[in-house]
Amino acid sequence: MRMFETNVEAPQREGTSVIEMLTVLHSVHTLNTERLASKCVTLKTKHLVTQILEDGPEEECREFLQHVEGLHISCIVYLNV
């Protein structure tokens, strides 16, 4: 997930303050919450799911999208701990 790659740069620097770390964690939490609310999936993934749906396995696509939603939920739960 790109949001983690982008936000992990700050903690990797030497001398990162606790305030900076909390800001990064809050940012990642907020992004996950927003993506969960909007049922966010990357454009490439949406395109692939649409193509697959045209071929028929609707149940598998629905299950995949539930896993994407579950990923966001897991990240939010993890960050709340």
PDB file of N, CA and C in Angstrom:
ATOM      1  N   MET A   1       0.844  -1.167   0.000  1.00  0.00           N
ATOM      2  CA  MET A   1       0.000   0.000   0.000  1.00  0.00           C
ATOM      3  C   MET A   1       0.893   1.236   0.000  1.00  0.00           C
ATOM      4  N   ARG A   2       0.640   2.055  -0.945  1.00  0.00           N
ATOM      5  CA  ARG A   2       1.458   3.252  -1.142  1.00  0.00           C
ATOM      6  C   ARG A   2       1.454   4.172   0.079  1.00  0.00           C
ATOM      7  N   MET A   3       0.326   4.270   0.784  1.00  0.00           N
ATOM      8  CA  MET A   3       0.265   5.180   1.933  1.00  0.00           C
ATOM      9  C   MET A   3       1.275   4.788   2.995  1.00  0.00           C
ATOM     10  N   PHE A   4       1.531   3.485   3.153  1.00  0.00           N
ATOM     11  CA  PHE A   4       2.510   3.053   4.137  1.00  0.00           C
ATOM     12  C   PHE A   4       3.925   3.381   3.666  1.00  0.00           C
ATOM     13  N   GLU A   5       4.198   3.165   2.372  1.00  0.00           N
ATOM     14  CA  GLU A   5       5.512   3.490   1.838  1.00  0.00           C
ATOM     15  C   GLU A   5       5.823   4.970   2.022  1.00  0.00           C
ATOM     16  N   THR A   6       4.854   5.810   1.717  1.00  0.00           N
ATOM     17  CA  THR A   6       5.043   7.249   1.831  1.00  0.00           C
ATOM     18  C   THR A   6       5.249   7.667   3.278  1.00  0.00           C
ATOM     19  N   ASN A   7       4.473   7.130   4.176  1.00  0.00           N
ATOM     20  CA  ASN A   7       4.515   7.555   5.568  1.00  0.00           C
ATOM     21  C   ASN A   7       5.617   6.890   6.384  1.00  0.00           C
ATOM     22  N   VAL A   8       6.237   5.850   5.856  1.00  0.00           N
ATOM     23  CA  VAL A   8       7.282   5.172   6.615  1.00  0.00           C
ATOM     24  C   VAL A   8       8.626   5.900   6.483  1.00  0.00           C
ATOM     25  N   GLU A   9       8.727   6.842   5.556  1.00  0.00           N
ATOM     26  CA  GLU A   9       9.976   7.572   5.364  1.00  0.00           C
ATOM     27  C   GLU A   9      10.347   8.388   6.605  1.00  0.00           C
ATOM     28  N   ALA A  10       9.389   9.033   7.231  1.00  0.00           N
ATOM     29  CA  ALA A  10       9.676   9.863   8.413  1.00  0.00           C
ATOM     30  C   ALA A  10      10.245   9.035   9.569  1.00  0.00           C
ATOM     31  N   PRO A  11       9.623   7.907   9.933  1.00  0.00           N
ATOM     32  CA  PRO A  11      10.170   7.119  11.044  1.00  0.00           C
ATOM     33  C   PRO A  11      11.552   6.531  10.757  1.00  0.00           C
ATOM     34  N   GLN A  12      11.882   6.342   9.489  1.00  0.00           N
ATOM     35  CA  GLN A  12      13.169   5.749   9.150  1.00  0.00           C
ATOM     36  C   GLN A  12      14.326   6.730   9.349  1.00  0.00           C
ATOM     37  N   ARG A  13      14.030   8.028   9.348  1.00  0.00           N
ATOM     38  CA  ARG A  13      15.075   9.024   9.577  1.00  0.00           C
ATOM     39  C   ARG A  13      15.557   8.942  11.016  1.00  0.00           C
ATOM     40  N   GLU A  14      16.825   9.229  11.195  1.00  0.00           N
ATOM     41  CA  GLU A  14      17.346   9.299  12.568  1.00  0.00           C
ATOM     42  C   GLU A  14      16.805  10.552  13.230  1.00  0.00           C
ATOM     43  N   GLY A  15      16.570  10.468  14.512  1.00  0.00           N
ATOM     44  CA  GLY A  15      16.148  11.640  15.264  1.00  0.00           C
ATOM     45  C   GLY A  15      14.688  12.004  15.096  1.00  0.00           C
ATOM     46  N   THR A  16      13.881  11.060  14.641  1.00  0.00           N
ATOM     47  CA  THR A  16      12.456  11.329  14.495  1.00  0.00           C
ATOM     48  C   THR A  16      11.847  11.487  15.886  1.00  0.00           C
ATOM     49  N   SER A  17      11.139  12.581  16.079  1.00  0.00           N
ATOM     50  CA  SER A  17      10.550  12.841  17.394  1.00  0.00           C
ATOM     51  C   SER A  17       9.265  12.036  17.592  1.00  0.00           C
ATOM     52  N   VAL A  18       8.862  11.929  18.827  1.00  0.00           N
ATOM     53  CA  VAL A  18       7.618  11.240  19.168  1.00  0.00           C
ATOM     54  C   VAL A  18       6.443  11.955  18.514  1.00  0.00           C
ATOM     55  N   ILE A  19       6.488  13.268  18.487  1.00  0.00           N
ATOM     56  CA  ILE A  19       5.407  14.052  17.866  1.00  0.00           C
ATOM     57  C   ILE A  19       5.312  13.735  16.371  1.00  0.00           C
ATOM     58  N   GLU A  20       6.456  13.636  15.703  1.00  0.00           N
ATOM     59  CA  GLU A  20       6.450  13.278  14.282  1.00  0.00           C
ATOM     60  C   GLU A  20       5.862  11.891  14.068  1.00  0.00           C
ATOM     61  N   MET A  21       6.252  10.955  14.926  1.00  0.00           N
ATOM     62  CA  MET A  21       5.719   9.589  14.821  1.00  0.00           C
ATOM     63  C   MET A  21       4.209   9.569  15.015  1.00  0.00           C
ATOM     64  N   LEU A  22       3.723  10.278  16.022  1.00  0.00           N
ATOM     65  CA  LEU A  22       2.281  10.330  16.269  1.00  0.00           C
ATOM     66  C   LEU A  22       1.546  10.960  15.098  1.00  0.00           C
ATOM     67  N   THR A  23       2.150  11.966  14.503  1.00  0.00           N
ATOM     68  CA  THR A  23       1.547  12.624  13.330  1.00  0.00           C
ATOM     69  C   THR A  23       1.439  11.645  12.165  1.00  0.00           C
ATOM     70  N   VAL A  24       2.496  10.871  11.925  1.00  0.00           N
ATOM     71  CA  VAL A  24       2.492   9.878  10.842  1.00  0.00           C
ATOM     72  C   VAL A  24       1.428   8.820  11.107  1.00  0.00           C
ATOM     73  N   LEU A  25       1.382   8.297  12.324  1.00  0.00           N
ATOM     74  CA  LEU A  25       0.393   7.267  12.659  1.00  0.00           C
ATOM     75  C   LEU A  25      -1.032   7.799  12.520  1.00  0.00           C
ATOM     76  N   HIS A  26      -1.247   9.027  12.943  1.00  0.00           N
ATOM     77  CA  HIS A  26      -2.574   9.637  12.809  1.00  0.00           C
ATOM     78  C   HIS A  26      -2.939   9.789  11.331  1.00  0.00           C
ATOM     79  N   SER A  27      -1.970  10.188  10.534  1.00  0.00           N
ATOM     80  CA  SER A  27      -2.205  10.351   9.098  1.00  0.00           C
ATOM     81  C   SER A  27      -2.594   9.027   8.438  1.00  0.00           C
ATOM     82  N   VAL A  28      -1.863   7.969   8.755  1.00  0.00           N
ATOM     83  CA  VAL A  28      -2.168   6.644   8.186  1.00  0.00           C
ATOM     84  C   VAL A  28      -3.541   6.176   8.660  1.00  0.00           C
ATOM     85  N   HIS A  29      -3.848   6.399   9.917  1.00  0.00           N
ATOM     86  CA  HIS A  29      -5.157   6.026  10.466  1.00  0.00           C
ATOM     87  C   HIS A  29      -6.271   6.774   9.729  1.00  0.00           C
ATOM     88  N   THR A  30      -6.083   8.063   9.540  1.00  0.00           N
ATOM     89  CA  THR A  30      -7.093   8.880   8.842  1.00  0.00           C
ATOM     90  C   THR A  30      -7.284   8.413   7.409  1.00  0.00           C
ATOM     91  N   LEU A  31      -6.183   8.147   6.704  1.00  0.00           N
ATOM     92  CA  LEU A  31      -6.279   7.669   5.322  1.00  0.00           C
ATOM     93  C   LEU A  31      -7.034   6.350   5.244  1.00  0.00           C
ATOM     94  N   ASN A  32      -6.735   5.426   6.148  1.00  0.00           N
ATOM     95  CA  ASN A  32      -7.438   4.143   6.150  1.00  0.00           C
ATOM     96  C   ASN A  32      -8.920   4.326   6.439  1.00  0.00           C
ATOM     97  N   THR A  33      -9.242   5.190   7.380  1.00  0.00           N
ATOM     98  CA  THR A  33     -10.643   5.447   7.715  1.00  0.00           C
ATOM     99  C   THR A  33     -11.389   6.020   6.518  1.00  0.00           C
ATOM    100  N   GLU A  34     -10.761   6.969   5.826  1.00  0.00           N
ATOM    101  CA  GLU A  34     -11.384   7.573   4.641  1.00  0.00           C
ATOM    102  C   GLU A  34     -11.541   6.555   3.524  1.00  0.00           C
ATOM    103  N   ARG A  35     -10.523   5.744   3.312  1.00  0.00           N
ATOM    104  CA  ARG A  35     -10.598   4.733   2.245  1.00  0.00           C
ATOM    105  C   ARG A  35     -11.632   3.666   2.556  1.00  0.00           C
ATOM    106  N   LEU A  36     -11.756   3.309   3.809  1.00  0.00           N
ATOM    107  CA  LEU A  36     -12.782   2.342   4.202  1.00  0.00           C
ATOM    108  C   LEU A  36     -14.168   2.925   3.952  1.00  0.00           C
ATOM    109  N   ALA A  37     -14.374   4.168   4.353  1.00  0.00           N
ATOM    110  CA  ALA A  37     -15.678   4.820   4.178  1.00  0.00           C
ATOM    111  C   ALA A  37     -16.061   4.942   2.705  1.00  0.00           C
ATOM    112  N   SER A  38     -15.074   5.181   1.848  1.00  0.00           N
ATOM    113  CA  SER A  38     -15.366   5.353   0.421  1.00  0.00           C
ATOM    114  C   SER A  38     -15.223   4.059  -0.375  1.00  0.00           C
ATOM    115  N   LYS A  39     -14.926   2.951   0.339  1.00  0.00           N
ATOM    116  CA  LYS A  39     -14.709   1.654  -0.313  1.00  0.00           C
ATOM    117  C   LYS A  39     -13.647   1.786  -1.407  1.00  0.00           C
ATOM    118  N   CYS A  40     -12.561   2.451  -1.047  1.00  0.00           N
ATOM    119  CA  CYS A  40     -11.484   2.771  -1.976  1.00  0.00           C
ATOM    120  C   CYS A  40     -10.758   1.522  -2.460  1.00  0.00           C
ATOM    121  N   VAL A  41     -10.597   1.445  -3.774  1.00  0.00           N
ATOM    122  CA  VAL A  41      -9.794   0.416  -4.419  1.00  0.00           C
ATOM    123  C   VAL A  41      -9.050   1.134  -5.539  1.00  0.00           C
ATOM    124  N   THR A  42      -7.795   0.772  -5.771  1.00  0.00           N
ATOM    125  CA  THR A  42      -7.023   1.447  -6.811  1.00  0.00           C
ATOM    126  C   THR A  42      -7.702   1.308  -8.170  1.00  0.00           C
ATOM    127  N   LEU A  43      -7.425   2.252  -9.062  1.00  0.00           N
ATOM    128  CA  LEU A  43      -8.041   2.219 -10.391  1.00  0.00           C
ATOM    129  C   LEU A  43      -7.690   0.951 -11.151  1.00  0.00           C
ATOM    130  N   LYS A  44      -6.431   0.522 -11.051  1.00  0.00           N
ATOM    131  CA  LYS A  44      -6.020  -0.700 -11.748  1.00  0.00           C
ATOM    132  C   LYS A  44      -6.803  -1.894 -11.219  1.00  0.00           C
ATOM    133  N   THR A  45      -6.969  -1.957  -9.896  1.00  0.00           N
ATOM    134  CA  THR A  45      -7.728  -3.056  -9.293  1.00  0.00           C
ATOM    135  C   THR A  45      -9.185  -3.001  -9.724  1.00  0.00           C
ATOM    136  N   LYS A  46      -9.781  -1.816  -9.727  1.00  0.00           N
ATOM    137  CA  LYS A  46     -11.173  -1.679 -10.184  1.00  0.00           C
ATOM    138  C   LYS A  46     -11.313  -2.169 -11.618  1.00  0.00           C
ATOM    139  N   HIS A  47     -10.350  -1.803 -12.456  1.00  0.00           N
ATOM    140  CA  HIS A  47     -10.381  -2.227 -13.859  1.00  0.00           C
ATOM    141  C   HIS A  47     -10.315  -3.750 -13.965  1.00  0.00           C
ATOM    142  N   LEU A  48      -9.399  -4.369 -13.208  1.00  0.00           N
ATOM    143  CA  LEU A  48      -9.266  -5.824 -13.248  1.00  0.00           C
ATOM    144  C   LEU A  48     -10.519  -6.514 -12.722  1.00  0.00           C
ATOM    145  N   VAL A  49     -11.083  -5.990 -11.642  1.00  0.00           N
ATOM    146  CA  VAL A  49     -12.310  -6.577 -11.084  1.00  0.00           C
ATOM    147  C   VAL A  49     -13.446  -6.469 -12.093  1.00  0.00           C
ATOM    148  N   THR A  50     -13.554  -5.332 -12.760  1.00  0.00           N
ATOM    149  CA  THR A  50     -14.591  -5.145 -13.778  1.00  0.00           C
ATOM    150  C   THR A  50     -14.429  -6.160 -14.903  1.00  0.00           C
ATOM    151  N   GLN A  51     -13.190  -6.354 -15.364  1.00  0.00           N
ATOM    152  CA  GLN A  51     -12.927  -7.343 -16.418  1.00  0.00           C
ATOM    153  C   GLN A  51     -13.313  -8.750 -15.966  1.00  0.00           C
ATOM    154  N   ILE A  52     -12.940  -9.091 -14.749  1.00  0.00           N
ATOM    155  CA  ILE A  52     -13.246 -10.424 -14.230  1.00  0.00           C
ATOM    156  C   ILE A  52     -14.753 -10.611 -14.091  1.00  0.00           C
ATOM    157  N   LEU A  53     -15.439  -9.569 -13.623  1.00  0.00           N
ATOM    158  CA  LEU A  53     -16.893  -9.651 -13.466  1.00  0.00           C
ATOM    159  C   LEU A  53     -17.582  -9.910 -14.803  1.00  0.00           C
ATOM    160  N   GLU A  54     -17.029  -9.363 -15.868  1.00  0.00           N
ATOM    161  CA  GLU A  54     -17.603  -9.597 -17.195  1.00  0.00           C
ATOM    162  C   GLU A  54     -17.502 -11.066 -17.595  1.00  0.00           C
ATOM    163  N   ASP A  55     -16.481 -11.754 -17.043  1.00  0.00           N
ATOM    164  CA  ASP A  55     -16.289 -13.173 -17.356  1.00  0.00           C
ATOM    165  C   ASP A  55     -17.124 -14.091 -16.470  1.00  0.00           C
ATOM    166  N   GLY A  56     -17.716 -13.531 -15.392  1.00  0.00           N
ATOM    167  CA  GLY A  56     -18.649 -14.323 -14.629  1.00  0.00           C
ATOM    168  C   GLY A  56     -18.438 -14.582 -13.150  1.00  0.00           C
ATOM    169  N   PRO A  57     -17.214 -14.755 -12.636  1.00  0.00           N
ATOM    170  CA  PRO A  57     -17.083 -15.174 -11.230  1.00  0.00           C
ATOM    171  C   PRO A  57     -17.369 -14.036 -10.240  1.00  0.00           C
ATOM    172  N   GLU A  58     -18.638 -13.656 -10.181  1.00  0.00           N
ATOM    173  CA  GLU A  58     -19.042 -12.519  -9.350  1.00  0.00           C
ATOM    174  C   GLU A  58     -18.758 -12.758  -7.868  1.00  0.00           C
ATOM    175  N   GLU A  59     -18.987 -13.964  -7.396  1.00  0.00           N
ATOM    176  CA  GLU A  59     -18.788 -14.270  -5.973  1.00  0.00           C
ATOM    177  C   GLU A  59     -17.338 -14.062  -5.557  1.00  0.00           C
ATOM    178  N   GLU A  60     -16.393 -14.498  -6.401  1.00  0.00           N
ATOM    179  CA  GLU A  60     -14.974 -14.341  -6.091  1.00  0.00           C
ATOM    180  C   GLU A  60     -14.585 -12.865  -6.032  1.00  0.00           C
ATOM    181  N   CYS A  61     -15.129 -12.047  -6.922  1.00  0.00           N
ATOM    182  CA  CYS A  61     -14.841 -10.619  -6.918  1.00  0.00           C
ATOM    183  C   CYS A  61     -15.410  -9.957  -5.668  1.00  0.00           C
ATOM    184  N   ARG A  62     -16.595 -10.327  -5.303  1.00  0.00           N
ATOM    185  CA  ARG A  62     -17.215  -9.771  -4.098  1.00  0.00           C
ATOM    186  C   ARG A  62     -16.370 -10.141  -2.870  1.00  0.00           C
ATOM    187  N   GLU A  63     -15.900 -11.391  -2.841  1.00  0.00           N
ATOM    188  CA  GLU A  63     -15.065 -11.849  -1.734  1.00  0.00           C
ATOM    189  C   GLU A  63     -13.738 -11.076  -1.699  1.00  0.00           C
ATOM    190  N   PHE A  64     -13.145 -10.849  -2.870  1.00  0.00           N
ATOM    191  CA  PHE A  64     -11.898 -10.082  -2.948  1.00  0.00           C
ATOM    192  C   PHE A  64     -12.093  -8.672  -2.399  1.00  0.00           C
ATOM    193  N   LEU A  65     -13.174  -8.011  -2.802  1.00  0.00           N
ATOM    194  CA  LEU A  65     -13.446  -6.651  -2.338  1.00  0.00           C
ATOM    195  C   LEU A  65     -13.693  -6.623  -0.829  1.00  0.00           C
ATOM    196  N   GLN A  66     -14.256  -7.694  -0.287  1.00  0.00           N
ATOM    197  CA  GLN A  66     -14.420  -7.793   1.163  1.00  0.00           C
ATOM    198  C   GLN A  66     -13.064  -7.896   1.852  1.00  0.00           C
ATOM    199  N   HIS A  67     -12.121  -8.583   1.220  1.00  0.00           N
ATOM    200  CA  HIS A  67     -10.770  -8.682   1.771  1.00  0.00           C
ATOM    201  C   HIS A  67     -10.072  -7.319   1.752  1.00  0.00           C
ATOM    202  N   VAL A  68     -10.302  -6.553   0.697  1.00  0.00           N
ATOM    203  CA  VAL A  68      -9.733  -5.203   0.628  1.00  0.00           C
ATOM    204  C   VAL A  68     -10.280  -4.369   1.782  1.00  0.00           C
ATOM    205  N   GLU A  69     -11.580  -4.440   1.991  1.00  0.00           N
ATOM    206  CA  GLU A  69     -12.207  -3.720   3.104  1.00  0.00           C
ATOM    207  C   GLU A  69     -11.641  -4.217   4.436  1.00  0.00           C
ATOM    208  N   GLY A  70     -11.456  -5.515   4.553  1.00  0.00           N
ATOM    209  CA  GLY A  70     -10.895  -6.090   5.770  1.00  0.00           C
ATOM    210  C   GLY A  70      -9.478  -5.609   6.040  1.00  0.00           C
ATOM    211  N   LEU A  71      -8.708  -5.383   4.978  1.00  0.00           N
ATOM    212  CA  LEU A  71      -7.353  -4.864   5.137  1.00  0.00           C
ATOM    213  C   LEU A  71      -7.381  -3.487   5.792  1.00  0.00           C
ATOM    214  N   HIS A  72      -8.266  -2.620   5.312  1.00  0.00           N
ATOM    215  CA  HIS A  72      -8.390  -1.284   5.902  1.00  0.00           C
ATOM    216  C   HIS A  72      -8.833  -1.384   7.365  1.00  0.00           C
ATOM    217  N   ILE A  73      -9.782  -2.255   7.641  1.00  0.00           N
ATOM    218  CA  ILE A  73     -10.260  -2.425   9.013  1.00  0.00           C
ATOM    219  C   ILE A  73      -9.130  -2.931   9.909  1.00  0.00           C
ATOM    220  N   SER A  74      -8.369  -3.898   9.438  1.00  0.00           N
ATOM    221  CA  SER A  74      -7.247  -4.435  10.217  1.00  0.00           C
ATOM    222  C   SER A  74      -6.211  -3.364  10.520  1.00  0.00           C
ATOM    223  N   CYS A  75      -5.919  -2.530   9.549  1.00  0.00           N
ATOM    224  CA  CYS A  75      -4.954  -1.446   9.757  1.00  0.00           C
ATOM    225  C   CYS A  75      -5.463  -0.460  10.795  1.00  0.00           C
ATOM    226  N   ILE A  76      -6.744  -0.113  10.723  1.00  0.00           N
ATOM    227  CA  ILE A  76      -7.332   0.810  11.680  1.00  0.00           C
ATOM    228  C   ILE A  76      -7.281   0.220  13.079  1.00  0.00           C
ATOM    229  N   VAL A  77      -7.665  -1.050  13.215  1.00  0.00           N
ATOM    230  CA  VAL A  77      -7.641  -1.718  14.524  1.00  0.00           C
ATOM    231  C   VAL A  77      -6.216  -1.749  15.063  1.00  0.00           C
ATOM    232  N   TYR A  78      -5.264  -2.087  14.218  1.00  0.00           N
ATOM    233  CA  TYR A  78      -3.863  -2.148  14.627  1.00  0.00           C
ATOM    234  C   TYR A  78      -3.389  -0.780  15.132  1.00  0.00           C
ATOM    235  N   LEU A  79      -3.734   0.272  14.412  1.00  0.00           N
ATOM    236  CA  LEU A  79      -3.296   1.618  14.799  1.00  0.00           C
ATOM    237  C   LEU A  79      -4.010   2.118  16.048  1.00  0.00           C
ATOM    238  N   ASN A  80      -5.173   1.559  16.363  1.00  0.00           N
ATOM    239  CA  ASN A  80      -5.882   1.953  17.567  1.00  0.00           C
ATOM    240  C   ASN A  80      -5.311   1.316  18.830  1.00  0.00           C
ATOM    241  N   VAL A  81      -4.497   0.285  18.648  1.00  0.00           N
ATOM    242  CA  VAL A  81      -3.947  -0.430  19.816  1.00  0.00           C
ATOM    243  C   VAL A  81      -2.900   0.360  20.492  1.00  0.00           C
TER     244      VAL A  81
END
